[in-house]
Amino acid sequence: MEWTAWFDAPEYEFARQVLQRGVAVLYLVAFLSSLNQFPALLGERGLLPVPQFLARSSRLRRPTLFSWRYSDRLLRTVCWGGMLLAGALVLGLPQLGPPWVPLLVFLALWLLYMSIVNVGQTFYGFGWEMLLLEAGFTVAFLGSEQTPPPRTILILLAWLVFRLEFGAGMIKIRGGREWRDLTALYYHHETQPMPGPLSRQAHLLPKAWHRLEVLGNHFAQLVVPFFLFAPQPLAGAAAGIIIFTQLWLVASGNFAWLNWMAILLAFAAVSDPVAHAVFPAIPPDWHPVSAGTAAAGSPAGAGSQTPVAWLVVVFLATVLLLVLSYRPAANLFSQYQLMNAAFNRWQLVNAYGAFGTVTKQRVEIVVEGTLDAEPDDAADWQEYGFRGKPGDVHRIPRQWAPYHLRLDWLMWFLPLRTVHELWFYAFLEKLLVADRPTLRLLRHDPFDGARPRWVRARSYLYRFATRAEFRATGQRWIRMLLHDSIPPLSLPPED
């Protein structure tokens, strides 16, 4: 049974360390984001209350702990529990025990966070939610320090990177003409959902550079992913290209943990010798179990250090994920390719992709309030400030990723779809009553907790200031009023 030694990949111990601890960090960030924002957005008195959602969805098909009962206290318990489990994995504590210990901890994270996502409605309708779930489930089978990393799981993680990158590349090629004529980056840095501190500088680079960016993107997403399955060092080189391009996206924008997850997953194709060649401080032979020394339990064969029971568990997980891969694989080459789609209720082996078309102009919804009795043009209208969304034209955009500002992200979608969203009217109502949890989601409340008499929403056209405009005005954004999206609203008078 020496053939079973193929399932052991001791030369990928550094990759396992990065994958397990890195994915755990992102789970910790995700639970922290939910702890800070979920009650105000979706809690018992939130903008889209989960109890009402569950009452309308009496036969909720996707699994969640909250299908029996929801309360803000239970939500906070889930978040704190998830953060503690994720923190333990970051420290490497479960990895010190038998392989089933980190397996159970990762599966617990997967189930806990899936419980949140499945009742999160539009505030959790992002592709990186299902990416985090799929990554957490798959990484769970990487085992512990008592066993070598399983080769089939590393291949499946490379397959996840392939779907993430190649899927995004195919969406672009099939999408807007700007990706085919290489002009997409003329606009993207300026119009992306949440610019970062370097986005303006990236936008002001020469157009020739932007065309090279698009070419580089096509190469990194349509060609490079195939080499993730090549022998070393080609696979490691492919992973390095993906990591480099994703770091550029991290530096030039805010996409929650999407880019960081792609970076982490790419390490599935980085062997210890390749990592050592790039960073000599990394040992070329990392794995703590020496050759010929079997781990605790019965050996799977003369050439393997993996216990038979764990080998069976990994094999079953591999078969499951391979079977579930059929529809996502077909989707990659389908004329009607789906983007960010789950094909099963457990959100495993999904379809990914983003930015098939690029918005050419940036329209921002600016929310204002006034204490004046009459909401006319003579009233003193004051602007609410958001944490990540552009507003103040002098303010440098902040770096938030991998932390996810859910309210700010959905504000970007309003002018692309419609401002007449149920959650947005609920948000305006919360401002009228100066709801403290809602105000804590904002950077600036112009009324310091007092209730405004009126609120309104106005549409502005935003663009980055040129270098000459910045020197003359100190503004990083130039904006122009388009129209009132929602006229002044107030609460009905109390009896």
Protein backbone atom coordinates (compact mmCIF):
# COMPACT_ATOMS: atom_id res chain seq x y z
CA MET A 1 0.00 0.00 0.00
CA GLU A 2 2.91 2.33 -0.64
CA TRP A 3 0.70 4.19 -3.12
CA THR A 4 -1.11 5.78 -0.15
CA ALA A 5 2.02 7.85 0.50
CA TRP A 6 0.91 10.02 -2.45
CA PHE A 7 -1.87 11.43 -0.25
CA ASP A 8 0.72 12.86 2.14
CA ALA A 9 2.23 16.22 1.21
CA PRO A 10 4.74 16.95 4.00
CA GLU A 11 6.49 19.45 1.72
CA TYR A 12 3.43 21.76 2.06
CA GLU A 13 3.51 22.33 5.82
CA PHE A 14 4.17 26.07 5.45
CA ALA A 15 1.15 26.26 3.12
CA ARG A 16 -1.00 24.51 5.72
CA GLN A 17 0.10 26.93 8.43
CA VAL A 18 -0.75 29.92 6.25
CA LEU A 19 -4.08 28.47 5.13
CA GLN A 20 -5.37 27.39 8.53
CA ARG A 21 -4.25 30.44 10.48
CA GLY A 22 -5.03 32.90 7.69
CA VAL A 23 -8.55 31.64 7.05
CA ALA A 24 -9.12 31.67 10.82
CA VAL A 25 -8.08 35.35 10.91
CA LEU A 26 -10.66 36.16 8.25
CA TYR A 27 -13.34 34.27 10.19
CA LEU A 28 -12.42 36.32 13.24
CA VAL A 29 -12.78 39.53 11.21
CA ALA A 30 -16.11 38.34 9.78
CA PHE A 31 -17.55 37.55 13.21
CA LEU A 32 -16.26 40.88 14.56
CA SER A 33 -17.92 42.71 11.66
CA SER A 34 -21.20 40.92 12.41
CA LEU A 35 -20.93 41.60 16.14
CA ASN A 36 -20.54 45.33 15.48
CA GLN A 37 -23.11 45.73 12.69
CA PHE A 38 -25.64 42.90 12.60
CA PRO A 39 -27.91 44.08 15.48
CA ALA A 40 -28.33 47.56 13.96
CA LEU A 41 -28.82 46.25 10.43
CA LEU A 42 -30.74 43.02 10.96
CA GLY A 43 -31.40 42.62 14.66
CA GLU A 44 -34.66 42.71 16.56
CA ARG A 45 -34.96 46.46 15.90
CA GLY A 46 -32.77 46.59 12.80
CA LEU A 47 -33.41 47.89 9.31
CA LEU A 48 -34.45 44.44 8.08
CA PRO A 49 -35.30 42.56 11.30
CA VAL A 50 -34.48 38.86 11.20
CA PRO A 51 -37.59 37.86 13.24
CA GLN A 52 -39.81 39.34 10.52
CA PHE A 53 -37.74 37.66 7.81
CA LEU A 54 -38.08 34.28 9.53
CA ALA A 55 -41.82 34.81 9.97
CA ARG A 56 -42.17 35.40 6.23
CA SER A 57 -39.87 32.47 5.41
CA SER A 58 -41.52 29.76 7.45
CA ARG A 59 -39.78 27.12 5.32
CA LEU A 60 -36.31 28.59 5.12
CA ARG A 61 -34.38 26.11 3.01
CA ARG A 62 -30.86 27.10 4.01
CA PRO A 63 -29.60 25.89 7.40
CA THR A 64 -29.28 28.35 10.26
CA LEU A 65 -29.30 28.13 14.04
CA PHE A 66 -31.76 31.01 14.05
CA SER A 67 -34.52 29.06 12.30
CA TRP A 68 -35.86 28.10 15.73
CA ARG A 69 -35.35 31.43 17.44
CA TYR A 70 -33.55 34.70 16.90
CA SER A 71 -32.47 37.23 19.48
CA ASP A 72 -29.72 39.83 19.52
CA ARG A 73 -28.27 38.12 22.57
CA LEU A 74 -28.05 34.80 20.71
CA LEU A 75 -26.47 36.57 17.73
CA ARG A 76 -23.81 38.09 19.98
CA THR A 77 -23.20 34.70 21.58
CA VAL A 78 -22.64 33.17 18.14
CA CYS A 79 -20.23 35.97 17.20
CA TRP A 80 -18.24 35.75 20.42
CA GLY A 81 -18.13 31.97 20.15
CA GLY A 82 -16.90 32.20 16.56
CA MET A 83 -14.25 34.75 17.50
CA LEU A 84 -12.94 32.56 20.34
CA LEU A 85 -12.74 29.48 18.11
CA ALA A 86 -11.08 31.45 15.32
CA GLY A 87 -8.61 32.97 17.78
CA ALA A 88 -7.63 29.51 19.01
CA LEU A 89 -6.90 28.45 15.41
CA VAL A 90 -4.86 31.60 14.79
CA LEU A 91 -2.72 30.68 17.81
CA GLY A 92 -2.42 27.12 16.48
CA LEU A 93 -3.85 25.45 19.58
CA PRO A 94 -6.29 22.95 17.98
CA GLN A 95 -3.58 22.06 15.44
CA LEU A 96 -1.44 20.62 18.25
CA GLY A 97 -3.91 17.77 18.82
CA PRO A 98 -5.23 14.97 16.61
CA PRO A 99 -6.49 16.00 13.14
CA TRP A 100 -10.14 15.74 14.13
CA VAL A 101 -9.71 18.65 16.60
CA PRO A 102 -9.05 21.42 14.00
CA LEU A 103 -11.58 19.65 11.77
CA LEU A 104 -14.35 20.11 14.34
CA VAL A 105 -13.31 23.68 15.14
CA PHE A 106 -13.35 24.73 11.47
CA LEU A 107 -16.68 22.99 10.88
CA ALA A 108 -18.08 24.83 13.90
CA LEU A 109 -16.92 28.13 12.39
CA TRP A 110 -18.50 27.16 9.07
CA LEU A 111 -21.85 26.31 10.66
CA LEU A 112 -21.91 29.35 12.94
CA TYR A 113 -21.10 31.81 10.18
CA MET A 114 -23.48 30.10 7.75
CA SER A 115 -26.22 30.63 10.34
CA ILE A 116 -25.55 34.38 10.13
CA VAL A 117 -25.22 34.54 6.34
CA ASN A 118 -28.45 32.64 5.72
CA VAL A 119 -30.53 35.22 7.60
CA GLY A 120 -28.42 38.22 6.51
CA GLN A 121 -30.59 39.02 3.49
CA THR A 122 -29.24 41.80 1.24
CA PHE A 123 -26.59 42.86 3.78
CA TYR A 124 -24.91 39.46 3.38
CA GLY A 125 -25.51 39.02 -0.34
CA PHE A 126 -21.84 39.24 -1.32
CA GLY A 127 -19.69 36.64 -3.05
CA TRP A 128 -17.03 36.69 -0.36
CA GLU A 129 -19.52 35.34 2.19
CA MET A 130 -19.87 32.04 0.33
CA LEU A 131 -16.13 32.12 -0.40
CA LEU A 132 -15.37 32.27 3.32
CA LEU A 133 -17.79 29.42 3.98
CA GLU A 134 -16.35 27.19 1.25
CA ALA A 135 -12.77 27.96 2.28
CA GLY A 136 -13.50 27.22 5.94
CA PHE A 137 -15.09 23.88 5.12
CA THR A 138 -12.26 22.80 2.82
CA VAL A 139 -9.41 23.96 5.08
CA ALA A 140 -11.02 21.95 7.89
CA PHE A 141 -9.65 18.78 6.28
CA LEU A 142 -6.00 19.90 6.25
CA GLY A 143 -5.51 18.03 9.52
CA SER A 144 -3.13 18.86 12.35
CA GLU A 145 0.59 18.77 13.06
CA GLN A 146 0.27 15.07 13.87
CA THR A 147 -0.36 14.26 10.21
CA PRO A 148 1.12 15.54 6.93
CA PRO A 149 -1.07 17.91 4.87
CA PRO A 150 -3.41 15.89 2.60
CA ARG A 151 -2.51 16.37 -1.05
CA THR A 152 -6.08 16.03 -2.33
CA ILE A 153 -7.27 18.88 -0.10
CA LEU A 154 -4.46 21.11 -1.33
CA ILE A 155 -5.51 20.33 -4.91
CA LEU A 156 -9.12 21.17 -4.05
CA LEU A 157 -7.98 24.48 -2.55
CA ALA A 158 -6.09 25.19 -5.79
CA TRP A 159 -9.32 24.33 -7.62
CA LEU A 160 -11.09 26.93 -5.47
CA VAL A 161 -8.49 29.56 -6.46
CA PHE A 162 -8.93 28.50 -10.08
CA ARG A 163 -12.71 29.03 -9.94
CA LEU A 164 -12.26 32.34 -8.18
CA GLU A 165 -9.73 33.73 -10.65
CA PHE A 166 -10.72 32.07 -13.92
CA GLY A 167 -14.41 32.66 -13.18
CA ALA A 168 -13.74 36.37 -12.68
CA GLY A 169 -11.69 36.46 -15.86
CA MET A 170 -14.40 34.81 -17.95
CA ILE A 171 -17.06 37.13 -16.52
CA LYS A 172 -14.98 40.09 -17.69
CA ILE A 173 -14.31 38.71 -21.17
CA ARG A 174 -18.02 37.97 -21.60
CA GLY A 175 -19.03 41.27 -19.99
CA GLY A 176 -18.54 44.90 -20.89
CA ARG A 177 -16.62 45.98 -23.96
CA GLU A 178 -14.27 47.98 -21.72
CA TRP A 179 -12.53 44.75 -20.69
CA ARG A 180 -11.95 43.77 -24.31
CA ASP A 181 -10.76 47.19 -25.51
CA LEU A 182 -8.54 47.52 -22.39
CA THR A 183 -10.19 50.72 -21.07
CA ALA A 184 -11.83 49.27 -17.94
CA LEU A 185 -9.18 50.69 -15.59
CA TYR A 186 -9.78 54.19 -16.97
CA TYR A 187 -12.80 54.12 -14.65
CA HIS A 188 -12.54 51.34 -12.07
CA HIS A 189 -10.30 53.00 -9.46
CA GLU A 190 -12.66 55.99 -9.37
CA THR A 191 -15.99 54.19 -9.52
CA GLN A 192 -15.32 51.06 -7.42
CA PRO A 193 -17.66 50.58 -4.43
CA MET A 194 -15.29 51.77 -1.71
CA PRO A 195 -12.04 53.46 -2.77
CA GLY A 196 -8.97 53.23 -0.55
CA PRO A 197 -6.29 55.78 0.35
CA LEU A 198 -4.29 55.02 -2.81
CA SER A 199 -7.23 54.77 -5.23
CA ARG A 200 -6.98 58.37 -6.40
CA GLN A 201 -3.27 58.02 -7.12
CA ALA A 202 -3.96 54.81 -9.02
CA HIS A 203 -6.70 56.53 -11.02
CA LEU A 204 -4.36 59.40 -12.00
CA LEU A 205 -1.75 57.07 -13.50
CA PRO A 206 -1.29 57.34 -17.30
CA LYS A 207 -3.85 55.60 -19.50
CA ALA A 208 -1.11 53.45 -20.99
CA TRP A 209 -0.51 52.04 -17.50
CA HIS A 210 -4.23 51.33 -17.11
CA ARG A 211 -4.23 49.38 -20.37
CA LEU A 212 -1.28 47.35 -19.08
CA GLU A 213 -3.25 46.75 -15.87
CA VAL A 214 -6.10 45.23 -17.85
CA LEU A 215 -3.72 43.05 -19.87
CA GLY A 216 -2.05 41.93 -16.67
CA ASN A 217 -5.44 41.16 -15.15
CA HIS A 218 -6.43 39.01 -18.13
CA PHE A 219 -3.13 37.13 -17.97
CA ALA A 220 -3.41 36.60 -14.19
CA GLN A 221 -7.02 35.42 -14.36
CA LEU A 222 -7.27 33.57 -17.68
CA VAL A 223 -3.81 32.00 -18.11
CA VAL A 224 -2.02 31.77 -14.78
CA PRO A 225 -4.66 29.71 -12.88
CA PHE A 226 -4.02 26.67 -15.09
CA PHE A 227 -0.42 26.53 -13.84
CA LEU A 228 -1.58 26.09 -10.25
CA PHE A 229 -1.84 22.38 -11.11
CA ALA A 230 1.62 22.19 -12.75
CA PRO A 231 4.70 20.67 -11.08
CA GLN A 232 6.86 22.86 -8.88
CA PRO A 233 8.24 25.45 -9.25
CA LEU A 234 5.67 26.42 -11.92
CA ALA A 235 2.77 26.06 -9.49
CA GLY A 236 4.56 28.22 -6.94
CA ALA A 237 5.31 30.84 -9.60
CA ALA A 238 1.64 30.91 -10.61
CA ALA A 239 0.64 31.37 -6.99
CA GLY A 240 3.17 34.20 -6.70
CA ILE A 241 1.64 36.04 -9.66
CA ILE A 242 -1.84 35.70 -8.16
CA ILE A 243 -0.59 36.93 -4.78
CA PHE A 244 1.11 39.94 -6.40
CA THR A 245 -1.95 40.98 -8.40
CA GLN A 246 -4.20 40.56 -5.39
CA LEU A 247 -1.88 42.73 -3.27
CA TRP A 248 -2.27 45.47 -5.90
CA LEU A 249 -6.04 45.20 -5.52
CA VAL A 250 -5.66 45.38 -1.73
CA ALA A 251 -3.60 48.55 -2.07
CA SER A 252 -5.97 50.24 -4.52
CA GLY A 253 -9.39 49.42 -3.03
CA ASN A 254 -11.54 47.95 -0.28
CA PHE A 255 -13.11 44.58 -1.09
CA ALA A 256 -13.62 43.20 2.40
CA TRP A 257 -11.71 39.90 2.67
CA LEU A 258 -12.07 38.89 -1.00
CA ASN A 259 -8.50 39.73 -2.03
CA TRP A 260 -6.99 38.50 1.23
CA MET A 261 -8.78 35.18 0.80
CA ALA A 262 -7.43 34.82 -2.74
CA ILE A 263 -3.92 35.51 -1.40
CA LEU A 264 -4.28 32.90 1.34
CA LEU A 265 -5.74 30.25 -0.94
CA ALA A 266 -2.94 30.73 -3.48
CA PHE A 267 -0.52 29.37 -0.88
CA ALA A 268 -2.04 25.93 -1.48
CA ALA A 269 0.27 25.81 -4.51
CA VAL A 270 3.40 26.98 -2.66
CA SER A 271 5.66 24.16 -1.44
CA ASP A 272 8.16 24.57 1.38
CA PRO A 273 11.21 24.57 -0.98
CA VAL A 274 9.61 27.28 -3.13
CA ALA A 275 8.74 29.35 -0.06
CA HIS A 276 12.30 28.85 1.24
CA ALA A 277 13.76 29.99 -2.09
CA VAL A 278 11.82 33.27 -1.84
CA PHE A 279 12.17 33.74 1.91
CA PRO A 280 15.21 31.81 3.25
CA ALA A 281 13.96 32.21 6.84
CA ILE A 282 11.23 29.68 6.02
CA PRO A 283 12.57 26.14 6.64
CA PRO A 284 12.81 24.02 3.49
CA ASP A 285 11.56 20.98 5.45
CA TRP A 286 8.94 22.33 7.85
CA HIS A 287 6.83 19.31 8.78
CA PRO A 288 7.36 18.27 12.44
CA VAL A 289 6.77 14.55 11.81
CA SER A 290 10.05 13.02 10.67
CA ALA A 291 10.20 10.65 7.75
CA GLY A 292 9.47 7.08 8.70
CA THR A 293 7.85 8.03 12.01
CA ALA A 294 4.17 7.24 11.93
CA ALA A 295 1.67 9.55 13.58
CA ALA A 296 -0.46 8.35 16.45
CA GLY A 297 -2.81 5.59 15.34
CA SER A 298 -2.57 2.87 12.76
CA PRO A 299 -0.49 3.74 9.70
CA ALA A 300 -2.20 3.74 6.33
CA GLY A 301 0.70 2.00 4.68
CA ALA A 302 4.46 1.58 4.59
CA GLY A 303 4.96 4.91 2.84
CA SER A 304 2.32 6.93 4.67
CA GLN A 305 2.27 8.75 7.99
CA THR A 306 -1.51 9.21 7.94
CA PRO A 307 -3.80 7.10 10.16
CA VAL A 308 -6.28 4.99 8.23
CA ALA A 309 -9.32 6.63 9.87
CA TRP A 310 -8.15 10.13 8.94
CA LEU A 311 -7.27 9.01 5.42
CA VAL A 312 -10.84 7.73 5.02
CA VAL A 313 -12.31 11.03 6.28
CA VAL A 314 -10.17 13.02 3.86
CA PHE A 315 -11.04 10.68 1.01
CA LEU A 316 -14.78 11.04 1.65
CA ALA A 317 -14.48 14.84 1.83
CA THR A 318 -12.52 14.81 -1.43
CA VAL A 319 -15.16 12.72 -3.19
CA LEU A 320 -17.93 14.99 -1.90
CA LEU A 321 -16.25 18.16 -3.15
CA LEU A 322 -15.39 16.56 -6.49
CA VAL A 323 -19.01 15.48 -7.04
CA LEU A 324 -20.20 18.98 -6.15
CA SER A 325 -17.69 20.45 -8.62
CA TYR A 326 -19.58 19.35 -11.73
CA ARG A 327 -22.01 22.28 -11.97
CA PRO A 328 -19.45 24.99 -11.09
CA ALA A 329 -17.04 23.53 -13.66
CA ALA A 330 -19.75 23.52 -16.34
CA ASN A 331 -20.69 27.07 -15.34
CA LEU A 332 -17.18 28.35 -16.08
CA PHE A 333 -17.58 27.52 -19.75
CA SER A 334 -21.30 28.23 -20.06
CA GLN A 335 -22.56 30.98 -22.33
CA TYR A 336 -24.86 31.95 -19.46
CA GLN A 337 -22.18 31.95 -16.78
CA LEU A 338 -23.52 32.66 -13.31
CA MET A 339 -21.59 34.99 -11.00
CA ASN A 340 -21.37 34.42 -7.23
CA ALA A 341 -23.86 31.56 -7.24
CA ALA A 342 -24.32 28.65 -4.84
CA PHE A 343 -25.50 25.33 -6.26
CA ASN A 344 -26.43 23.70 -2.96
CA ARG A 345 -27.90 24.76 0.35
CA TRP A 346 -24.56 24.28 2.16
CA GLN A 347 -22.79 26.82 -0.10
CA LEU A 348 -19.98 24.45 -1.05
CA VAL A 349 -18.11 24.55 -4.40
CA ASN A 350 -19.66 27.77 -5.64
CA ALA A 351 -19.31 29.95 -8.73
CA TYR A 352 -17.45 33.24 -8.35
CA GLY A 353 -16.73 36.36 -10.36
CA ALA A 354 -17.04 40.13 -10.18
CA PHE A 355 -17.07 43.32 -12.23
CA GLY A 356 -18.24 41.93 -15.55
CA THR A 357 -18.96 45.55 -16.40
CA VAL A 358 -17.36 48.68 -14.98
CA THR A 359 -19.38 51.72 -13.95
CA LYS A 360 -18.26 54.74 -15.96
CA GLN A 361 -19.48 57.46 -13.57
CA ARG A 362 -19.68 57.58 -9.80
CA VAL A 363 -23.03 58.68 -8.37
CA GLU A 364 -23.22 58.97 -4.59
CA ILE A 365 -26.30 59.20 -2.41
CA VAL A 366 -25.74 61.93 0.18
CA VAL A 367 -28.03 61.88 3.22
CA GLU A 368 -28.80 65.18 4.93
CA GLY A 369 -30.92 66.34 7.86
CA THR A 370 -32.13 69.62 9.29
CA LEU A 371 -33.50 70.87 12.60
CA ASP A 372 -35.49 73.60 10.89
CA ALA A 373 -39.26 73.43 10.78
CA GLU A 374 -39.50 74.10 7.04
CA PRO A 375 -37.44 71.84 4.74
CA ASP A 376 -36.89 74.44 1.99
CA ASP A 377 -33.65 75.63 0.42
CA ALA A 378 -33.23 78.20 3.19
CA ALA A 379 -33.05 75.45 5.83
CA ASP A 380 -29.71 74.54 7.40
CA TRP A 381 -29.12 71.10 5.91
CA GLN A 382 -26.32 69.05 7.49
CA GLU A 383 -24.68 66.00 5.91
CA TYR A 384 -24.29 62.64 7.65
CA GLY A 385 -20.80 61.16 7.33
CA PHE A 386 -20.23 57.50 6.53
CA ARG A 387 -17.16 55.54 7.59
CA GLY A 388 -16.01 54.25 4.20
CA LYS A 389 -18.33 55.68 1.56
CA PRO A 390 -17.15 58.89 -0.14
CA GLY A 391 -18.83 62.00 1.25
CA ASP A 392 -16.61 64.82 2.50
CA VAL A 393 -14.73 65.97 -0.61
CA HIS A 394 -11.60 66.78 1.42
CA ARG A 395 -11.35 63.45 3.23
CA ILE A 396 -8.85 60.76 2.17
CA PRO A 397 -10.64 57.42 1.67
CA ARG A 398 -9.72 55.02 4.46
CA GLN A 399 -8.42 51.46 4.27
CA TRP A 400 -11.00 49.11 5.81
CA ALA A 401 -10.45 45.74 4.18
CA PRO A 402 -10.56 42.99 5.29
CA TYR A 403 -13.17 44.49 7.63
CA HIS A 404 -16.53 44.78 5.87
CA LEU A 405 -18.66 47.94 6.14
CA ARG A 406 -21.98 46.54 5.00
CA LEU A 407 -24.08 49.71 5.11
CA ASP A 408 -21.49 51.67 3.13
CA TRP A 409 -21.29 48.94 0.48
CA LEU A 410 -25.05 48.86 -0.05
CA MET A 411 -25.12 52.66 -0.36
CA TRP A 412 -22.98 52.23 -3.50
CA PHE A 413 -25.63 50.01 -5.09
CA LEU A 414 -28.52 52.45 -4.56
CA PRO A 415 -27.93 54.70 -7.62
CA LEU A 416 -27.20 51.63 -9.76
CA ARG A 417 -30.55 50.05 -8.90
CA THR A 418 -33.03 52.23 -7.03
CA VAL A 419 -32.99 54.34 -3.89
CA HIS A 420 -36.47 53.06 -3.11
CA GLU A 421 -35.22 50.10 -1.12
CA LEU A 422 -37.08 49.01 1.99
CA TRP A 423 -33.91 49.01 4.08
CA PHE A 424 -32.99 52.55 2.97
CA TYR A 425 -36.34 54.00 4.01
CA ALA A 426 -35.93 52.16 7.32
CA PHE A 427 -32.48 53.75 7.63
CA LEU A 428 -33.92 57.25 7.07
CA GLU A 429 -36.57 56.55 9.70
CA LYS A 430 -33.87 55.51 12.17
CA LEU A 431 -32.09 58.82 11.54
CA LEU A 432 -35.31 60.72 12.26
CA VAL A 433 -35.55 59.08 15.69
CA ALA A 434 -31.76 59.37 16.25
CA ASP A 435 -31.49 55.62 16.83
CA ARG A 436 -28.21 55.11 18.67
CA PRO A 437 -27.24 51.69 17.18
CA THR A 438 -27.80 53.10 13.68
CA LEU A 439 -25.84 56.27 14.38
CA ARG A 440 -22.92 54.15 15.62
CA LEU A 441 -22.63 52.74 12.10
CA LEU A 442 -21.79 56.25 10.86
CA ARG A 443 -18.61 58.28 11.14
CA HIS A 444 -20.35 61.59 11.81
CA ASP A 445 -23.75 62.58 13.19
CA PRO A 446 -24.14 66.33 12.55
CA PHE A 447 -26.75 66.63 15.32
CA ASP A 448 -24.81 64.91 18.13
CA GLY A 449 -27.64 62.54 18.97
CA ALA A 450 -30.50 65.06 18.60
CA ARG A 451 -33.47 64.22 16.38
CA PRO A 452 -33.59 66.06 13.05
CA ARG A 453 -36.95 67.40 11.92
CA TRP A 454 -36.39 66.35 8.31
CA VAL A 455 -34.06 64.11 6.31
CA ARG A 456 -33.52 63.81 2.59
CA ALA A 457 -31.33 61.96 0.07
CA ARG A 458 -29.61 63.72 -2.83
CA SER A 459 -27.67 62.34 -5.79
CA TYR A 460 -24.25 63.78 -6.57
CA LEU A 461 -21.84 63.04 -9.39
CA TYR A 462 -18.38 62.40 -7.89
CA ARG A 463 -15.01 62.24 -9.58
CA PHE A 464 -11.44 62.32 -8.34
CA ALA A 465 -9.80 65.75 -8.40
CA THR A 466 -6.88 66.17 -10.76
CA ARG A 467 -3.53 67.10 -9.27
CA ALA A 468 -4.04 70.73 -10.34
CA GLU A 469 -7.53 70.81 -8.79
CA PHE A 470 -6.20 69.34 -5.55
CA ARG A 471 -3.42 71.94 -5.34
CA ALA A 472 -5.93 74.73 -5.94
CA THR A 473 -8.76 73.57 -3.65
CA GLY A 474 -7.42 70.87 -1.32
CA GLN A 475 -10.31 68.66 -2.48
CA ARG A 476 -9.75 65.01 -3.30
CA TRP A 477 -13.20 64.74 -4.85
CA ILE A 478 -15.07 67.08 -7.16
CA ARG A 479 -18.84 66.70 -6.91
CA MET A 480 -21.86 68.10 -8.68
CA LEU A 481 -25.48 67.96 -7.51
CA LEU A 482 -27.72 65.95 -9.84
CA HIS A 483 -31.13 65.86 -8.16
CA ASP A 484 -33.04 65.06 -5.00
CA SER A 485 -33.42 61.29 -4.93
CA ILE A 486 -35.81 61.28 -1.97
CA PRO A 487 -37.50 64.57 -1.01
CA PRO A 488 -37.56 65.72 2.62
CA LEU A 489 -39.21 63.23 4.96
CA SER A 490 -40.37 63.64 8.54
CA LEU A 491 -42.15 61.59 11.13
CA PRO A 492 -45.90 62.09 11.54
CA PRO A 493 -46.79 64.36 14.45
CA GLU A 494 -47.39 62.59 17.76
CA ASP A 495 -50.90 62.61 19.13
